[in-house]
Amino acid sequence: MPVLYEDIDPLCRDMVKLFNDIGLATEFSCQGHDCDTRNKFEIMFKGYVKDKEIFNFISRITNDRGHTPLVGGFSKWVRVLNGTLESNWMYGVSYGNYQLNQECAFRDYTRMVKYLVYPKEK
């Protein structure tokens, strides 16, 4: 089923498309909203996206000094669903209000694109 990008929060679209285009399939996203409970910027990957794929992506966007220059981060959400332990990787930013998180996510997106388009030389 094709991704309907027009249904995705506008500030998540480019990053969701980037992740999908490089093979890190996404499932849910939220750009954060002006309320206490939903101010985090987050993108959740499908359950079949494994550690190795996330680690490979992170290594691709690591700079020459051995640092991943992102404000946000990747984490794993683990829960029991219908009696089975399930997990999904997520990218998220949760440093302040929703606008700050959105600005930080946009900066991360531009850095990701830079490192993917202009990879560091070995």
PDB file of N, CA and C in Angstrom:
ATOM      1  N   MET A   1       0.835  -1.172   0.000  1.00  0.00           N
ATOM      2  CA  MET A   1       0.000   0.000   0.000  1.00  0.00           C
ATOM      3  C   MET A   1       0.892   1.251   0.000  1.00  0.00           C
ATOM      4  N   PRO A   2       0.684   2.149  -0.940  1.00  0.00           N
ATOM      5  CA  PRO A   2       1.533   3.340  -1.009  1.00  0.00           C
ATOM      6  C   PRO A   2       1.287   4.286   0.169  1.00  0.00           C
ATOM      7  N   VAL A   3       2.341   5.001   0.527  1.00  0.00           N
ATOM      8  CA  VAL A   3       2.240   5.967   1.616  1.00  0.00           C
ATOM      9  C   VAL A   3       1.520   7.200   1.093  1.00  0.00           C
ATOM     10  N   LEU A   4       0.505   7.643   1.816  1.00  0.00           N
ATOM     11  CA  LEU A   4      -0.228   8.854   1.454  1.00  0.00           C
ATOM     12  C   LEU A   4       0.382  10.019   2.225  1.00  0.00           C
ATOM     13  N   TYR A   5       1.375  10.649   1.621  1.00  0.00           N
ATOM     14  CA  TYR A   5       2.121  11.682   2.322  1.00  0.00           C
ATOM     15  C   TYR A   5       1.260  12.888   2.693  1.00  0.00           C
ATOM     16  N   GLU A   6       0.198  13.137   1.948  1.00  0.00           N
ATOM     17  CA  GLU A   6      -0.687  14.257   2.284  1.00  0.00           C
ATOM     18  C   GLU A   6      -1.436  14.030   3.596  1.00  0.00           C
ATOM     19  N   ASP A   7      -1.500  12.795   4.060  1.00  0.00           N
ATOM     20  CA  ASP A   7      -2.156  12.479   5.335  1.00  0.00           C
ATOM     21  C   ASP A   7      -1.208  12.598   6.537  1.00  0.00           C
ATOM     22  N   ILE A   8       0.067  12.831   6.274  1.00  0.00           N
ATOM     23  CA  ILE A   8       1.079  12.905   7.325  1.00  0.00           C
ATOM     24  C   ILE A   8       1.216  14.356   7.778  1.00  0.00           C
ATOM     25  N   ASP A   9       1.444  14.560   9.083  1.00  0.00           N
ATOM     26  CA  ASP A   9       1.683  15.918   9.579  1.00  0.00           C
ATOM     27  C   ASP A   9       2.707  16.602   8.675  1.00  0.00           C
ATOM     28  N   PRO A  10       2.431  17.828   8.241  1.00  0.00           N
ATOM     29  CA  PRO A  10       3.292  18.499   7.261  1.00  0.00           C
ATOM     30  C   PRO A  10       4.772  18.569   7.646  1.00  0.00           C
ATOM     31  N   LEU A  11       5.079  18.783   8.913  1.00  0.00           N
ATOM     32  CA  LEU A  11       6.476  18.928   9.310  1.00  0.00           C
ATOM     33  C   LEU A  11       7.200  17.585   9.435  1.00  0.00           C
ATOM     34  N   CYS A  12       6.471  16.492   9.331  1.00  0.00           N
ATOM     35  CA  CYS A  12       7.075  15.144   9.355  1.00  0.00           C
ATOM     36  C   CYS A  12       7.297  14.586   7.956  1.00  0.00           C
ATOM     37  N   ARG A  13       6.610  15.129   6.974  1.00  0.00           N
ATOM     38  CA  ARG A  13       6.579  14.517   5.641  1.00  0.00           C
ATOM     39  C   ARG A  13       7.955  14.264   5.037  1.00  0.00           C
ATOM     40  N   ASP A  14       8.814  15.284   5.032  1.00  0.00           N
ATOM     41  CA  ASP A  14      10.111  15.111   4.375  1.00  0.00           C
ATOM     42  C   ASP A  14      10.946  14.031   5.048  1.00  0.00           C
ATOM     43  N   MET A  15      10.941  14.008   6.377  1.00  0.00           N
ATOM     44  CA  MET A  15      11.740  13.007   7.082  1.00  0.00           C
ATOM     45  C   MET A  15      11.138  11.613   6.902  1.00  0.00           C
ATOM     46  N   VAL A  16       9.822  11.507   6.955  1.00  0.00           N
ATOM     47  CA  VAL A  16       9.163  10.218   6.721  1.00  0.00           C
ATOM     48  C   VAL A  16       9.515   9.714   5.319  1.00  0.00           C
ATOM     49  N   LYS A  17       9.455  10.609   4.330  1.00  0.00           N
ATOM     50  CA  LYS A  17       9.794  10.213   2.965  1.00  0.00           C
ATOM     51  C   LYS A  17      11.255   9.784   2.873  1.00  0.00           C
ATOM     52  N   LEU A  18      12.150  10.525   3.508  1.00  0.00           N
ATOM     53  CA  LEU A  18      13.569  10.150   3.514  1.00  0.00           C
ATOM     54  C   LEU A  18      13.743   8.745   4.076  1.00  0.00           C
ATOM     55  N   PHE A  19      13.179   8.495   5.253  1.00  0.00           N
ATOM     56  CA  PHE A  19      13.327   7.175   5.864  1.00  0.00           C
ATOM     57  C   PHE A  19      12.748   6.081   4.964  1.00  0.00           C
ATOM     58  N   ASN A  20      11.549   6.305   4.430  1.00  0.00           N
ATOM     59  CA  ASN A  20      10.940   5.299   3.554  1.00  0.00           C
ATOM     60  C   ASN A  20      11.780   5.071   2.301  1.00  0.00           C
ATOM     61  N   ASP A  21      12.302   6.146   1.720  1.00  0.00           N
ATOM     62  CA  ASP A  21      13.086   6.031   0.484  1.00  0.00           C
ATOM     63  C   ASP A  21      14.374   5.237   0.676  1.00  0.00           C
ATOM     64  N   ILE A  22      14.950   5.264   1.883  1.00  0.00           N
ATOM     65  CA  ILE A  22      16.203   4.520   2.098  1.00  0.00           C
ATOM     66  C   ILE A  22      15.959   3.143   2.712  1.00  0.00           C
ATOM     67  N   GLY A  23      14.679   2.751   2.822  1.00  0.00           N
ATOM     68  CA  GLY A  23      14.364   1.399   3.278  1.00  0.00           C
ATOM     69  C   GLY A  23      14.046   1.258   4.751  1.00  0.00           C
ATOM     70  N   LEU A  24      13.934   2.368   5.476  1.00  0.00           N
ATOM     71  CA  LEU A  24      13.518   2.318   6.881  1.00  0.00           C
ATOM     72  C   LEU A  24      12.029   2.647   6.921  1.00  0.00           C
ATOM     73  N   ALA A  25      11.215   1.635   6.734  1.00  0.00           N
ATOM     74  CA  ALA A  25       9.772   1.831   6.606  1.00  0.00           C
ATOM     75  C   ALA A  25       9.165   2.403   7.884  1.00  0.00           C
ATOM     76  N   THR A  26       8.346   3.426   7.714  1.00  0.00           N
ATOM     77  CA  THR A  26       7.721   4.093   8.849  1.00  0.00           C
ATOM     78  C   THR A  26       6.279   3.622   9.025  1.00  0.00           C
ATOM     79  N   GLU A  27       5.794   3.797  10.258  1.00  0.00           N
ATOM     80  CA  GLU A  27       4.429   3.383  10.560  1.00  0.00           C
ATOM     81  C   GLU A  27       3.572   4.534  11.067  1.00  0.00           C
ATOM     82  N   PHE A  28       4.086   5.318  11.996  1.00  0.00           N
ATOM     83  CA  PHE A  28       3.361   6.442  12.577  1.00  0.00           C
ATOM     84  C   PHE A  28       4.303   7.636  12.686  1.00  0.00           C
ATOM     85  N   SER A  29       3.708   8.825  12.730  1.00  0.00           N
ATOM     86  CA  SER A  29       4.501  10.026  12.968  1.00  0.00           C
ATOM     87  C   SER A  29       3.615  11.105  13.569  1.00  0.00           C
ATOM     88  N   CYS A  30       4.273  12.046  14.257  1.00  0.00           N
ATOM     89  CA  CYS A  30       3.579  13.180  14.850  1.00  0.00           C
ATOM     90  C   CYS A  30       4.559  14.339  14.931  1.00  0.00           C
ATOM     91  N   GLN A  31       4.154  15.502  14.453  1.00  0.00           N
ATOM     92  CA  GLN A  31       5.040  16.669  14.487  1.00  0.00           C
ATOM     93  C   GLN A  31       4.999  17.393  15.821  1.00  0.00           C
ATOM     94  N   GLY A  32       4.143  16.942  16.732  1.00  0.00           N
ATOM     95  CA  GLY A  32       3.968  17.626  18.003  1.00  0.00           C
ATOM     96  C   GLY A  32       2.899  18.688  17.863  1.00  0.00           C
ATOM     97  N   HIS A  33       2.224  18.928  18.932  1.00  0.00           N
ATOM     98  CA  HIS A  33       1.109  19.873  18.912  1.00  0.00           C
ATOM     99  C   HIS A  33       1.140  20.713  20.173  1.00  0.00           C
ATOM    100  N   ASP A  34       0.417  21.777  20.184  1.00  0.00           N
ATOM    101  CA  ASP A  34       0.418  22.731  21.285  1.00  0.00           C
ATOM    102  C   ASP A  34      -0.449  22.230  22.443  1.00  0.00           C
ATOM    103  N   CYS A  35       0.042  21.184  23.090  1.00  0.00           N
ATOM    104  CA  CYS A  35      -0.641  20.674  24.275  1.00  0.00           C
ATOM    105  C   CYS A  35       0.377  19.936  25.137  1.00  0.00           C
ATOM    106  N   ASP A  36       0.046  19.733  26.380  1.00  0.00           N
ATOM    107  CA  ASP A  36       1.003  19.128  27.314  1.00  0.00           C
ATOM    108  C   ASP A  36       1.354  17.686  26.979  1.00  0.00           C
ATOM    109  N   THR A  37       0.432  16.947  26.402  1.00  0.00           N
ATOM    110  CA  THR A  37       0.658  15.518  26.228  1.00  0.00           C
ATOM    111  C   THR A  37       1.236  15.137  24.871  1.00  0.00           C
ATOM    112  N   ARG A  38       1.205  16.020  23.886  1.00  0.00           N
ATOM    113  CA  ARG A  38       1.649  15.642  22.546  1.00  0.00           C
ATOM    114  C   ARG A  38       2.585  16.686  21.952  1.00  0.00           C
ATOM    115  N   ASN A  39       3.631  17.054  22.671  1.00  0.00           N
ATOM    116  CA  ASN A  39       4.535  18.051  22.110  1.00  0.00           C
ATOM    117  C   ASN A  39       5.793  17.444  21.503  1.00  0.00           C
ATOM    118  N   LYS A  40       5.962  16.144  21.601  1.00  0.00           N
ATOM    119  CA  LYS A  40       7.148  15.473  21.077  1.00  0.00           C
ATOM    120  C   LYS A  40       7.016  15.281  19.560  1.00  0.00           C
ATOM    121  N   PHE A  41       8.114  15.513  18.840  1.00  0.00           N
ATOM    122  CA  PHE A  41       8.207  15.196  17.420  1.00  0.00           C
ATOM    123  C   PHE A  41       8.683  13.752  17.350  1.00  0.00           C
ATOM    124  N   GLU A  42       7.934  12.885  16.656  1.00  0.00           N
ATOM    125  CA  GLU A  42       8.351  11.486  16.619  1.00  0.00           C
ATOM    126  C   GLU A  42       7.929  10.798  15.340  1.00  0.00           C
ATOM    127  N   ILE A  43       8.759   9.865  14.947  1.00  0.00           N
ATOM    128  CA  ILE A  43       8.478   8.998  13.809  1.00  0.00           C
ATOM    129  C   ILE A  43       8.776   7.574  14.250  1.00  0.00           C
ATOM    130  N   MET A  44       7.782   6.704  14.104  1.00  0.00           N
ATOM    131  CA  MET A  44       7.937   5.298  14.486  1.00  0.00           C
ATOM    132  C   MET A  44       8.139   4.462  13.224  1.00  0.00           C
ATOM    133  N   PHE A  45       9.070   3.542  13.313  1.00  0.00           N
ATOM    134  CA  PHE A  45       9.339   2.639  12.203  1.00  0.00           C
ATOM    135  C   PHE A  45       8.516   1.366  12.347  1.00  0.00           C
ATOM    136  N   LYS A  46       8.288   0.709  11.248  1.00  0.00           N
ATOM    137  CA  LYS A  46       7.563  -0.567  11.280  1.00  0.00           C
ATOM    138  C   LYS A  46       8.343  -1.569  12.126  1.00  0.00           C
ATOM    139  N   GLY A  47       7.625  -2.516  12.696  1.00  0.00           N
ATOM    140  CA  GLY A  47       8.230  -3.492  13.596  1.00  0.00           C
ATOM    141  C   GLY A  47       9.304  -4.340  12.954  1.00  0.00           C
ATOM    142  N   TYR A  48       9.265  -4.483  11.640  1.00  0.00           N
ATOM    143  CA  TYR A  48      10.267  -5.321  10.985  1.00  0.00           C
ATOM    144  C   TYR A  48      11.587  -4.580  10.711  1.00  0.00           C
ATOM    145  N   VAL A  49      11.644  -3.264  11.025  1.00  0.00           N
ATOM    146  CA  VAL A  49      12.914  -2.544  10.928  1.00  0.00           C
ATOM    147  C   VAL A  49      13.757  -2.948  12.138  1.00  0.00           C
ATOM    148  N   LYS A  50      14.862  -3.576  11.882  1.00  0.00           N
ATOM    149  CA  LYS A  50      15.668  -4.189  12.944  1.00  0.00           C
ATOM    150  C   LYS A  50      16.834  -3.310  13.388  1.00  0.00           C
ATOM    151  N   ASP A  51      17.425  -3.701  14.504  1.00  0.00           N
ATOM    152  CA  ASP A  51      18.555  -2.974  15.084  1.00  0.00           C
ATOM    153  C   ASP A  51      19.638  -2.706  14.044  1.00  0.00           C
ATOM    154  N   LYS A  52      20.017  -3.726  13.298  1.00  0.00           N
ATOM    155  CA  LYS A  52      21.106  -3.615  12.334  1.00  0.00           C
ATOM    156  C   LYS A  52      20.835  -2.494  11.327  1.00  0.00           C
ATOM    157  N   GLU A  53      19.595  -2.358  10.887  1.00  0.00           N
ATOM    158  CA  GLU A  53      19.253  -1.323   9.906  1.00  0.00           C
ATOM    159  C   GLU A  53      19.366   0.080  10.509  1.00  0.00           C
ATOM    160  N   ILE A  54      18.908   0.226  11.744  1.00  0.00           N
ATOM    161  CA  ILE A  54      19.019   1.519  12.426  1.00  0.00           C
ATOM    162  C   ILE A  54      20.484   1.834  12.691  1.00  0.00           C
ATOM    163  N   PHE A  55      21.242   0.862  13.176  1.00  0.00           N
ATOM    164  CA  PHE A  55      22.663   1.078  13.448  1.00  0.00           C
ATOM    165  C   PHE A  55      23.415   1.457  12.165  1.00  0.00           C
ATOM    166  N   ASN A  56      23.068   0.810  11.051  1.00  0.00           N
ATOM    167  CA  ASN A  56      23.692   1.125   9.775  1.00  0.00           C
ATOM    168  C   ASN A  56      23.379   2.570   9.374  1.00  0.00           C
ATOM    169  N   PHE A  57      22.130   2.973   9.538  1.00  0.00           N
ATOM    170  CA  PHE A  57      21.754   4.347   9.214  1.00  0.00           C
ATOM    171  C   PHE A  57      22.531   5.335  10.078  1.00  0.00           C
ATOM    172  N   ILE A  58      22.585   5.083  11.372  1.00  0.00           N
ATOM    173  CA  ILE A  58      23.290   5.986  12.281  1.00  0.00           C
ATOM    174  C   ILE A  58      24.770   6.077  11.892  1.00  0.00           C
ATOM    175  N   SER A  59      25.370   4.964  11.520  1.00  0.00           N
ATOM    176  CA  SER A  59      26.786   5.011  11.127  1.00  0.00           C
ATOM    177  C   SER A  59      26.962   5.818   9.840  1.00  0.00           C
ATOM    178  N   ARG A  60      25.970   5.830   8.973  1.00  0.00           N
ATOM    179  CA  ARG A  60      26.051   6.599   7.724  1.00  0.00           C
ATOM    180  C   ARG A  60      26.000   8.102   7.972  1.00  0.00           C
ATOM    181  N   ILE A  61      25.386   8.524   9.074  1.00  0.00           N
ATOM    182  CA  ILE A  61      25.264   9.955   9.339  1.00  0.00           C
ATOM    183  C   ILE A  61      26.192  10.409  10.468  1.00  0.00           C
ATOM    184  N   THR A  62      27.199   9.612  10.742  1.00  0.00           N
ATOM    185  CA  THR A  62      28.188   9.962  11.757  1.00  0.00           C
ATOM    186  C   THR A  62      29.301  10.775  11.099  1.00  0.00           C
ATOM    187  N   ASN A  63      29.712  11.857  11.751  1.00  0.00           N
ATOM    188  CA  ASN A  63      30.709  12.745  11.140  1.00  0.00           C
ATOM    189  C   ASN A  63      32.129  12.198  11.297  1.00  0.00           C
ATOM    190  N   ASP A  64      33.072  12.940  10.747  1.00  0.00           N
ATOM    191  CA  ASP A  64      34.472  12.503  10.761  1.00  0.00           C
ATOM    192  C   ASP A  64      35.078  12.427  12.150  1.00  0.00           C
ATOM    193  N   ARG A  65      34.478  13.087  13.115  1.00  0.00           N
ATOM    194  CA  ARG A  65      34.976  13.055  14.496  1.00  0.00           C
ATOM    195  C   ARG A  65      34.333  11.926  15.298  1.00  0.00           C
ATOM    196  N   GLY A  66      33.572  11.063  14.628  1.00  0.00           N
ATOM    197  CA  GLY A  66      32.957   9.938  15.317  1.00  0.00           C
ATOM    198  C   GLY A  66      31.748  10.326  16.149  1.00  0.00           C
ATOM    199  N   HIS A  67      31.037  11.354  15.720  1.00  0.00           N
ATOM    200  CA  HIS A  67      29.885  11.860  16.463  1.00  0.00           C
ATOM    201  C   HIS A  67      28.681  11.913  15.528  1.00  0.00           C
ATOM    202  N   THR A  68      27.526  11.547  16.036  1.00  0.00           N
ATOM    203  CA  THR A  68      26.293  11.673  15.267  1.00  0.00           C
ATOM    204  C   THR A  68      25.681  13.028  15.608  1.00  0.00           C
ATOM    205  N   PRO A  69      25.722  13.971  14.679  1.00  0.00           N
ATOM    206  CA  PRO A  69      25.343  15.356  14.979  1.00  0.00           C
ATOM    207  C   PRO A  69      23.839  15.607  14.955  1.00  0.00           C
ATOM    208  N   LEU A  70      23.109  14.877  15.758  1.00  0.00           N
ATOM    209  CA  LEU A  70      21.656  15.053  15.823  1.00  0.00           C
ATOM    210  C   LEU A  70      21.249  15.592  17.178  1.00  0.00           C
ATOM    211  N   VAL A  71      20.188  16.362  17.196  1.00  0.00           N
ATOM    212  CA  VAL A  71      19.593  16.817  18.447  1.00  0.00           C
ATOM    213  C   VAL A  71      18.671  15.728  18.983  1.00  0.00           C
ATOM    214  N   GLY A  72      17.879  15.163  18.087  1.00  0.00           N
ATOM    215  CA  GLY A  72      16.983  14.072  18.465  1.00  0.00           C
ATOM    216  C   GLY A  72      17.745  12.768  18.552  1.00  0.00           C
ATOM    217  N   GLY A  73      17.020  11.703  18.796  1.00  0.00           N
ATOM    218  CA  GLY A  73      17.680  10.419  18.925  1.00  0.00           C
ATOM    219  C   GLY A  73      16.779   9.268  18.543  1.00  0.00           C
ATOM    220  N   PHE A  74      17.378   8.106  18.500  1.00  0.00           N
ATOM    221  CA  PHE A  74      16.667   6.879  18.170  1.00  0.00           C
ATOM    222  C   PHE A  74      16.503   6.056  19.445  1.00  0.00           C
ATOM    223  N   SER A  75      15.332   5.520  19.636  1.00  0.00           N
ATOM    224  CA  SER A  75      15.062   4.693  20.809  1.00  0.00           C
ATOM    225  C   SER A  75      14.122   3.570  20.390  1.00  0.00           C
ATOM    226  N   LYS A  76      14.016   2.594  21.251  1.00  0.00           N
ATOM    227  CA  LYS A  76      13.144   1.464  20.960  1.00  0.00           C
ATOM    228  C   LYS A  76      11.983   1.456  21.953  1.00  0.00           C
ATOM    229  N   TRP A  77      10.793   1.358  21.431  1.00  0.00           N
ATOM    230  CA  TRP A  77       9.574   1.265  22.222  1.00  0.00           C
ATOM    231  C   TRP A  77       9.223  -0.217  22.325  1.00  0.00           C
ATOM    232  N   VAL A  78       9.158  -0.730  23.542  1.00  0.00           N
ATOM    233  CA  VAL A  78       8.893  -2.153  23.765  1.00  0.00           C
ATOM    234  C   VAL A  78       7.627  -2.276  24.599  1.00  0.00           C
ATOM    235  N   ARG A  79       6.754  -3.199  24.215  1.00  0.00           N
ATOM    236  CA  ARG A  79       5.516  -3.432  24.949  1.00  0.00           C
ATOM    237  C   ARG A  79       5.024  -4.841  24.658  1.00  0.00           C
ATOM    238  N   VAL A  80       4.042  -5.279  25.436  1.00  0.00           N
ATOM    239  CA  VAL A  80       3.370  -6.554  25.181  1.00  0.00           C
ATOM    240  C   VAL A  80       2.071  -6.235  24.464  1.00  0.00           C
ATOM    241  N   LEU A  81       1.866  -6.872  23.327  1.00  0.00           N
ATOM    242  CA  LEU A  81       0.680  -6.668  22.509  1.00  0.00           C
ATOM    243  C   LEU A  81       0.055  -8.024  22.228  1.00  0.00           C
ATOM    244  N   ASN A  82      -1.159  -8.209  22.699  1.00  0.00           N
ATOM    245  CA  ASN A  82      -1.851  -9.500  22.536  1.00  0.00           C
ATOM    246  C   ASN A  82      -1.012 -10.668  23.056  1.00  0.00           C
ATOM    247  N   GLY A  83      -0.346 -10.445  24.171  1.00  0.00           N
ATOM    248  CA  GLY A  83       0.436 -11.495  24.807  1.00  0.00           C
ATOM    249  C   GLY A  83       1.817 -11.710  24.218  1.00  0.00           C
ATOM    250  N   THR A  84       2.204 -10.903  23.243  1.00  0.00           N
ATOM    251  CA  THR A  84       3.502 -11.051  22.585  1.00  0.00           C
ATOM    252  C   THR A  84       4.333  -9.796  22.797  1.00  0.00           C
ATOM    253  N   LEU A  85       5.603  -9.990  23.098  1.00  0.00           N
ATOM    254  CA  LEU A  85       6.515  -8.866  23.249  1.00  0.00           C
ATOM    255  C   LEU A  85       6.793  -8.277  21.873  1.00  0.00           C
ATOM    256  N   GLU A  86       6.517  -6.996  21.707  1.00  0.00           N
ATOM    257  CA  GLU A  86       6.699  -6.297  20.427  1.00  0.00           C
ATOM    258  C   GLU A  86       7.602  -5.096  20.647  1.00  0.00           C
ATOM    259  N   SER A  87       8.290  -4.667  19.581  1.00  0.00           N
ATOM    260  CA  SER A  87       9.113  -3.462  19.687  1.00  0.00           C
ATOM    261  C   SER A  87       9.150  -2.735  18.354  1.00  0.00           C
ATOM    262  N   ASN A  88       9.334  -1.443  18.439  1.00  0.00           N
ATOM    263  CA  ASN A  88       9.510  -0.593  17.263  1.00  0.00           C
ATOM    264  C   ASN A  88      10.590   0.428  17.581  1.00  0.00           C
ATOM    265  N   TRP A  89      11.441   0.709  16.605  1.00  0.00           N
ATOM    266  CA  TRP A  89      12.378   1.809  16.712  1.00  0.00           C
ATOM    267  C   TRP A  89      11.639   3.109  16.457  1.00  0.00           C
ATOM    268  N   MET A  90      12.110   4.168  17.086  1.00  0.00           N
ATOM    269  CA  MET A  90      11.528   5.487  16.896  1.00  0.00           C
ATOM    270  C   MET A  90      12.643   6.528  16.806  1.00  0.00           C
ATOM    271  N   TYR A  91      12.397   7.555  16.010  1.00  0.00           N
ATOM    272  CA  TYR A  91      13.218   8.761  16.051  1.00  0.00           C
ATOM    273  C   TYR A  91      12.365   9.801  16.755  1.00  0.00           C
ATOM    274  N   GLY A  92      12.943  10.543  17.684  1.00  0.00           N
ATOM    275  CA  GLY A  92      12.155  11.552  18.373  1.00  0.00           C
ATOM    276  C   GLY A  92      12.975  12.701  18.907  1.00  0.00           C
ATOM    277  N   VAL A  93      12.279  13.831  19.076  1.00  0.00           N
ATOM    278  CA  VAL A  93      12.858  15.008  19.709  1.00  0.00           C
ATOM    279  C   VAL A  93      11.874  15.457  20.775  1.00  0.00           C
ATOM    280  N   SER A  94      12.375  15.604  22.002  1.00  0.00           N
ATOM    281  CA  SER A  94      11.517  16.031  23.105  1.00  0.00           C
ATOM    282  C   SER A  94      12.325  16.879  24.079  1.00  0.00           C
ATOM    283  N   TYR A  95      12.704  18.067  23.633  1.00  0.00           N
ATOM    284  CA  TYR A  95      13.526  18.936  24.459  1.00  0.00           C
ATOM    285  C   TYR A  95      12.780  20.134  25.019  1.00  0.00           C
ATOM    286  N   GLY A  96      11.640  20.442  24.478  1.00  0.00           N
ATOM    287  CA  GLY A  96      10.931  21.635  24.924  1.00  0.00           C
ATOM    288  C   GLY A  96       9.533  21.645  24.371  1.00  0.00           C
ATOM    289  N   ASN A  97       9.063  22.825  24.063  1.00  0.00           N
ATOM    290  CA  ASN A  97       7.718  22.901  23.507  1.00  0.00           C
ATOM    291  C   ASN A  97       7.707  22.345  22.087  1.00  0.00           C
ATOM    292  N   TYR A  98       6.530  22.198  21.550  1.00  0.00           N
ATOM    293  CA  TYR A  98       6.405  21.552  20.242  1.00  0.00           C
ATOM    294  C   TYR A  98       7.161  22.312  19.152  1.00  0.00           C
ATOM    295  N   GLN A  99       7.208  23.655  19.212  1.00  0.00           N
ATOM    296  CA  GLN A  99       7.911  24.413  18.179  1.00  0.00           C
ATOM    297  C   GLN A  99       9.423  24.178  18.232  1.00  0.00           C
ATOM    298  N   LEU A 100       9.994  24.148  19.416  1.00  0.00           N
ATOM    299  CA  LEU A 100      11.420  23.857  19.548  1.00  0.00           C
ATOM    300  C   LEU A 100      11.717  22.456  19.031  1.00  0.00           C
ATOM    301  N   ASN A 101      10.893  21.493  19.381  1.00  0.00           N
ATOM    302  CA  ASN A 101      11.098  20.120  18.905  1.00  0.00           C
ATOM    303  C   ASN A 101      11.021  20.054  17.382  1.00  0.00           C
ATOM    304  N   GLN A 102      10.091  20.791  16.788  1.00  0.00           N
ATOM    305  CA  GLN A 102       9.967  20.807  15.331  1.00  0.00           C
ATOM    306  C   GLN A 102      11.199  21.431  14.687  1.00  0.00           C
ATOM    307  N   GLU A 103      11.701  22.524  15.264  1.00  0.00           N
ATOM    308  CA  GLU A 103      12.907  23.170  14.734  1.00  0.00           C
ATOM    309  C   GLU A 103      14.108  22.235  14.833  1.00  0.00           C
ATOM    310  N   CYS A 104      14.243  21.556  15.950  1.00  0.00           N
ATOM    311  CA  CYS A 104      15.358  20.609  16.122  1.00  0.00           C
ATOM    312  C   CYS A 104      15.252  19.453  15.131  1.00  0.00           C
ATOM    313  N   ALA A 105      14.046  18.944  14.917  1.00  0.00           N
ATOM    314  CA  ALA A 105      13.848  17.851  13.958  1.00  0.00           C
ATOM    315  C   ALA A 105      14.198  18.312  12.544  1.00  0.00           C
ATOM    316  N   PHE A 106      13.845  19.539  12.191  1.00  0.00           N
ATOM    317  CA  PHE A 106      14.189  20.049  10.867  1.00  0.00           C
ATOM    318  C   PHE A 106      15.711  20.142  10.712  1.00  0.00           C
ATOM    319  N   ARG A 107      16.402  20.619  11.745  1.00  0.00           N
ATOM    320  CA  ARG A 107      17.873  20.669  11.686  1.00  0.00           C
ATOM    321  C   ARG A 107      18.447  19.264  11.528  1.00  0.00           C
ATOM    322  N   ASP A 108      17.880  18.294  12.261  1.00  0.00           N
ATOM    323  CA  ASP A 108      18.343  16.910  12.122  1.00  0.00           C
ATOM    324  C   ASP A 108      18.114  16.405  10.707  1.00  0.00           C
ATOM    325  N   TYR A 109      16.952  16.708  10.145  1.00  0.00           N
ATOM    326  CA  TYR A 109      16.637  16.272   8.783  1.00  0.00           C
ATOM    327  C   TYR A 109      17.681  16.808   7.799  1.00  0.00           C
ATOM    328  N   THR A 110      18.018  18.098   7.906  1.00  0.00           N
ATOM    329  CA  THR A 110      18.998  18.671   6.970  1.00  0.00           C
ATOM    330  C   THR A 110      20.367  18.021   7.145  1.00  0.00           C
ATOM    331  N   ARG A 111      20.716  17.666   8.372  1.00  0.00           N
ATOM    332  CA  ARG A 111      21.999  16.976   8.599  1.00  0.00           C
ATOM    333  C   ARG A 111      21.968  15.566   8.014  1.00  0.00           C
ATOM    334  N   MET A 112      20.847  14.869   8.196  1.00  0.00           N
ATOM    335  CA  MET A 112      20.718  13.522   7.628  1.00  0.00           C
ATOM    336  C   MET A 112      20.896  13.573   6.118  1.00  0.00           C
ATOM    337  N   VAL A 113      20.209  14.509   5.477  1.00  0.00           N
ATOM    338  CA  VAL A 113      20.308  14.634   4.019  1.00  0.00           C
ATOM    339  C   VAL A 113      21.744  14.933   3.616  1.00  0.00           C
ATOM    340  N   LYS A 114      22.384  15.842   4.327  1.00  0.00           N
ATOM    341  CA  LYS A 114      23.776  16.197   4.010  1.00  0.00           C
ATOM    342  C   LYS A 114      24.683  14.968   4.051  1.00  0.00           C
ATOM    343  N   TYR A 115      24.565  14.178   5.109  1.00  0.00           N
ATOM    344  CA  TYR A 115      25.453  13.020   5.248  1.00  0.00           C
ATOM    345  C   TYR A 115      25.097  11.889   4.297  1.00  0.00           C
ATOM    346  N   LEU A 116      23.841  11.806   3.890  1.00  0.00           N
ATOM    347  CA  LEU A 116      23.463  10.758   2.943  1.00  0.00           C
ATOM    348  C   LEU A 116      23.824  11.141   1.512  1.00  0.00           C
ATOM    349  N   VAL A 117      23.716  12.432   1.188  1.00  0.00           N
ATOM    350  CA  VAL A 117      24.026  12.897  -0.155  1.00  0.00           C
ATOM    351  C   VAL A 117      25.529  13.084  -0.339  1.00  0.00           C
ATOM    352  N   TYR A 118      26.188  13.602   0.708  1.00  0.00           N
ATOM    353  CA  TYR A 118      27.624  13.845   0.662  1.00  0.00           C
ATOM    354  C   TYR A 118      28.303  13.029   1.748  1.00  0.00           C
ATOM    355  N   PRO A 119      28.365  11.709   1.583  1.00  0.00           N
ATOM    356  CA  PRO A 119      28.944  10.873   2.650  1.00  0.00           C
ATOM    357  C   PRO A 119      30.399  11.241   2.916  1.00  0.00           C
ATOM    358  N   LYS A 120      30.767  11.047   4.174  1.00  0.00           N
ATOM    359  CA  LYS A 120      32.152  11.343   4.562  1.00  0.00           C
ATOM    360  C   LYS A 120      33.102  10.404   3.825  1.00  0.00           C
ATOM    361  N   GLU A 121      34.254  10.891   3.528  1.00  0.00           N
ATOM    362  CA  GLU A 121      35.239  10.062   2.844  1.00  0.00           C
ATOM    363  C   GLU A 121      35.950   9.190   3.859  1.00  0.00           C
ATOM    364  N   LYS A 122      36.214   7.967   3.503  1.00  0.00           N
ATOM    365  CA  LYS A 122      36.897   7.014   4.402  1.00  0.00           C
ATOM    366  C   LYS A 122      38.383   7.193   4.305  1.00  0.00           C
TER     367      LYS A 122
END
